[in-house]
Structures are given as structure tokens and as C-alpha cells.
Amino acid sequence: FIDRLNVEKSELDEKIGKLKSFMESDNFNKIDTVQKSLLQVQAHAMLTYSQILFERISLLEPVANA
């Protein structure tokens, strides 16, 4: 179970990195304002989700190692 959470977090963090890279690129400035706003909201939601996964994993790891 913890392994699945770790894989999920790892995949999510990779997607976050790609999205951040895109948002820092010139191509990001070429899209319309609504799409930019939605991508910013999406990035924030993904970061929140990643943090939640981190907390869940942190809480479960002592149980797995016991």
C-alpha cells in the first residue's frame, strides 16, 4: 500500500515538474489568460495533492517499519 502511494507521489511530482517548466517557458506566455489561470490553479491543486500524499506516507511509514 505504501509502495503504491510512493509511486503515485513520484509520478505526480514528475508531472508537477513538467508543468512548472512549461509555466516558466515562453510558450506559457503565448496561451490565453483563462488557460494560464487554469494551469496556475491546477499547479496549486497538484502541489496540495502531493503534500497530502507526503503526509499520508509519513504517517504510515512507522506502521510499515514496525
C-alpha atoms as a PDB file:
ATOM      1  CA  PHE A   1       0.000   0.000   0.000  1.00  0.00           C
ATOM      2  CA  ILE A   2       2.742   2.450   0.941  1.00  0.00           C
ATOM      3  CA  ASP A   3       4.618   1.478  -2.203  1.00  0.00           C
ATOM      4  CA  ARG A   4       1.606   2.476  -4.305  1.00  0.00           C
ATOM      5  CA  LEU A   5       1.420   5.825  -2.523  1.00  0.00           C
ATOM      6  CA  ASN A   6       5.136   6.404  -3.133  1.00  0.00           C
ATOM      7  CA  VAL A   7       4.739   5.596  -6.830  1.00  0.00           C
ATOM      8  CA  GLU A   8       1.700   7.869  -7.080  1.00  0.00           C
ATOM      9  CA  LYS A   9       3.577  10.731  -5.394  1.00  0.00           C
ATOM     10  CA  SER A  10       6.638  10.210  -7.559  1.00  0.00           C
ATOM     11  CA  GLU A  11       4.567  10.291 -10.757  1.00  0.00           C
ATOM     12  CA  LEU A  12       2.659  13.345  -9.562  1.00  0.00           C
ATOM     13  CA  ASP A  13       5.865  15.177  -8.647  1.00  0.00           C
ATOM     14  CA  GLU A  14       7.238  14.454 -12.122  1.00  0.00           C
ATOM     15  CA  LYS A  15       4.092  15.946 -13.678  1.00  0.00           C
ATOM     16  CA  ILE A  16       4.379  18.976 -11.381  1.00  0.00           C
ATOM     17  CA  GLY A  17       7.958  19.493 -12.549  1.00  0.00           C
ATOM     18  CA  LYS A  18       6.913  19.355 -16.187  1.00  0.00           C
ATOM     19  CA  LEU A  19       4.048  21.769 -15.593  1.00  0.00           C
ATOM     20  CA  LYS A  20       6.321  24.188 -13.730  1.00  0.00           C
ATOM     21  CA  SER A  21       8.827  24.048 -16.586  1.00  0.00           C
ATOM     22  CA  PHE A  22       6.086  24.824 -19.072  1.00  0.00           C
ATOM     23  CA  MET A  23       4.825  27.693 -16.926  1.00  0.00           C
ATOM     24  CA  GLU A  24       8.334  29.183 -16.921  1.00  0.00           C
ATOM     25  CA  SER A  25       8.686  28.877 -20.705  1.00  0.00           C
ATOM     26  CA  ASP A  26       7.916  31.369 -23.442  1.00  0.00           C
ATOM     27  CA  ASN A  27       5.146  29.075 -24.687  1.00  0.00           C
ATOM     28  CA  PHE A  28       3.205  29.678 -21.474  1.00  0.00           C
ATOM     29  CA  ASN A  29       3.046  33.382 -22.295  1.00  0.00           C
ATOM     30  CA  LYS A  30       1.566  32.573 -25.706  1.00  0.00           C
ATOM     31  CA  ILE A  31      -1.624  30.979 -24.361  1.00  0.00           C
ATOM     32  CA  ASP A  32      -4.731  32.934 -23.420  1.00  0.00           C
ATOM     33  CA  THR A  33      -5.294  34.352 -19.959  1.00  0.00           C
ATOM     34  CA  VAL A  34      -8.022  31.890 -18.992  1.00  0.00           C
ATOM     35  CA  GLN A  35      -5.813  28.900 -19.804  1.00  0.00           C
ATOM     36  CA  LYS A  36      -2.927  30.455 -17.846  1.00  0.00           C
ATOM     37  CA  SER A  37      -5.168  30.951 -14.841  1.00  0.00           C
ATOM     38  CA  LEU A  38      -6.497  27.414 -15.027  1.00  0.00           C
ATOM     39  CA  LEU A  39      -2.971  25.988 -15.252  1.00  0.00           C
ATOM     40  CA  GLN A  40      -1.947  28.005 -12.201  1.00  0.00           C
ATOM     41  CA  VAL A  41      -4.924  26.657 -10.257  1.00  0.00           C
ATOM     42  CA  GLN A  42      -4.092  23.152 -11.487  1.00  0.00           C
ATOM     43  CA  ALA A  43      -0.458  23.503 -10.363  1.00  0.00           C
ATOM     44  CA  HIS A  44      -1.590  24.628  -6.918  1.00  0.00           C
ATOM     45  CA  ALA A  45      -4.015  21.701  -6.639  1.00  0.00           C
ATOM     46  CA  MET A  46      -1.304  19.267  -7.700  1.00  0.00           C
ATOM     47  CA  LEU A  47       1.099  20.674  -5.095  1.00  0.00           C
ATOM     48  CA  THR A  48      -1.595  20.330  -2.437  1.00  0.00           C
ATOM     49  CA  TYR A  49      -2.254  16.747  -3.525  1.00  0.00           C
ATOM     50  CA  SER A  50       1.474  15.976  -3.390  1.00  0.00           C
ATOM     51  CA  GLN A  51       1.674  17.364   0.135  1.00  0.00           C
ATOM     52  CA  ILE A  52      -1.296  15.242   1.194  1.00  0.00           C
ATOM     53  CA  LEU A  53       0.379  12.137  -0.206  1.00  0.00           C
ATOM     54  CA  PHE A  54       3.581  13.062   1.645  1.00  0.00           C
ATOM     55  CA  GLU A  55       1.688  13.391   4.921  1.00  0.00           C
ATOM     56  CA  ARG A  56      -0.147  10.089   4.396  1.00  0.00           C
ATOM     57  CA  ILE A  57       3.110   8.299   3.620  1.00  0.00           C
ATOM     58  CA  SER A  58       4.803   9.868   6.647  1.00  0.00           C
ATOM     59  CA  LEU A  59       2.010   8.699   8.918  1.00  0.00           C
ATOM     60  CA  LEU A  60       2.017   5.177   7.509  1.00  0.00           C
ATOM     61  CA  GLU A  61       5.763   4.549   7.381  1.00  0.00           C
ATOM     62  CA  PRO A  62       6.235   3.962  11.124  1.00  0.00           C
ATOM     63  CA  VAL A  63       3.483   1.328  10.932  1.00  0.00           C
ATOM     64  CA  ALA A  64       5.165  -0.395   7.972  1.00  0.00           C
ATOM     65  CA  ASN A  65       8.543  -0.421   9.714  1.00  0.00           C
ATOM     66  CA  ALA A  66       7.179  -1.770  12.998  1.00  0.00           C
END
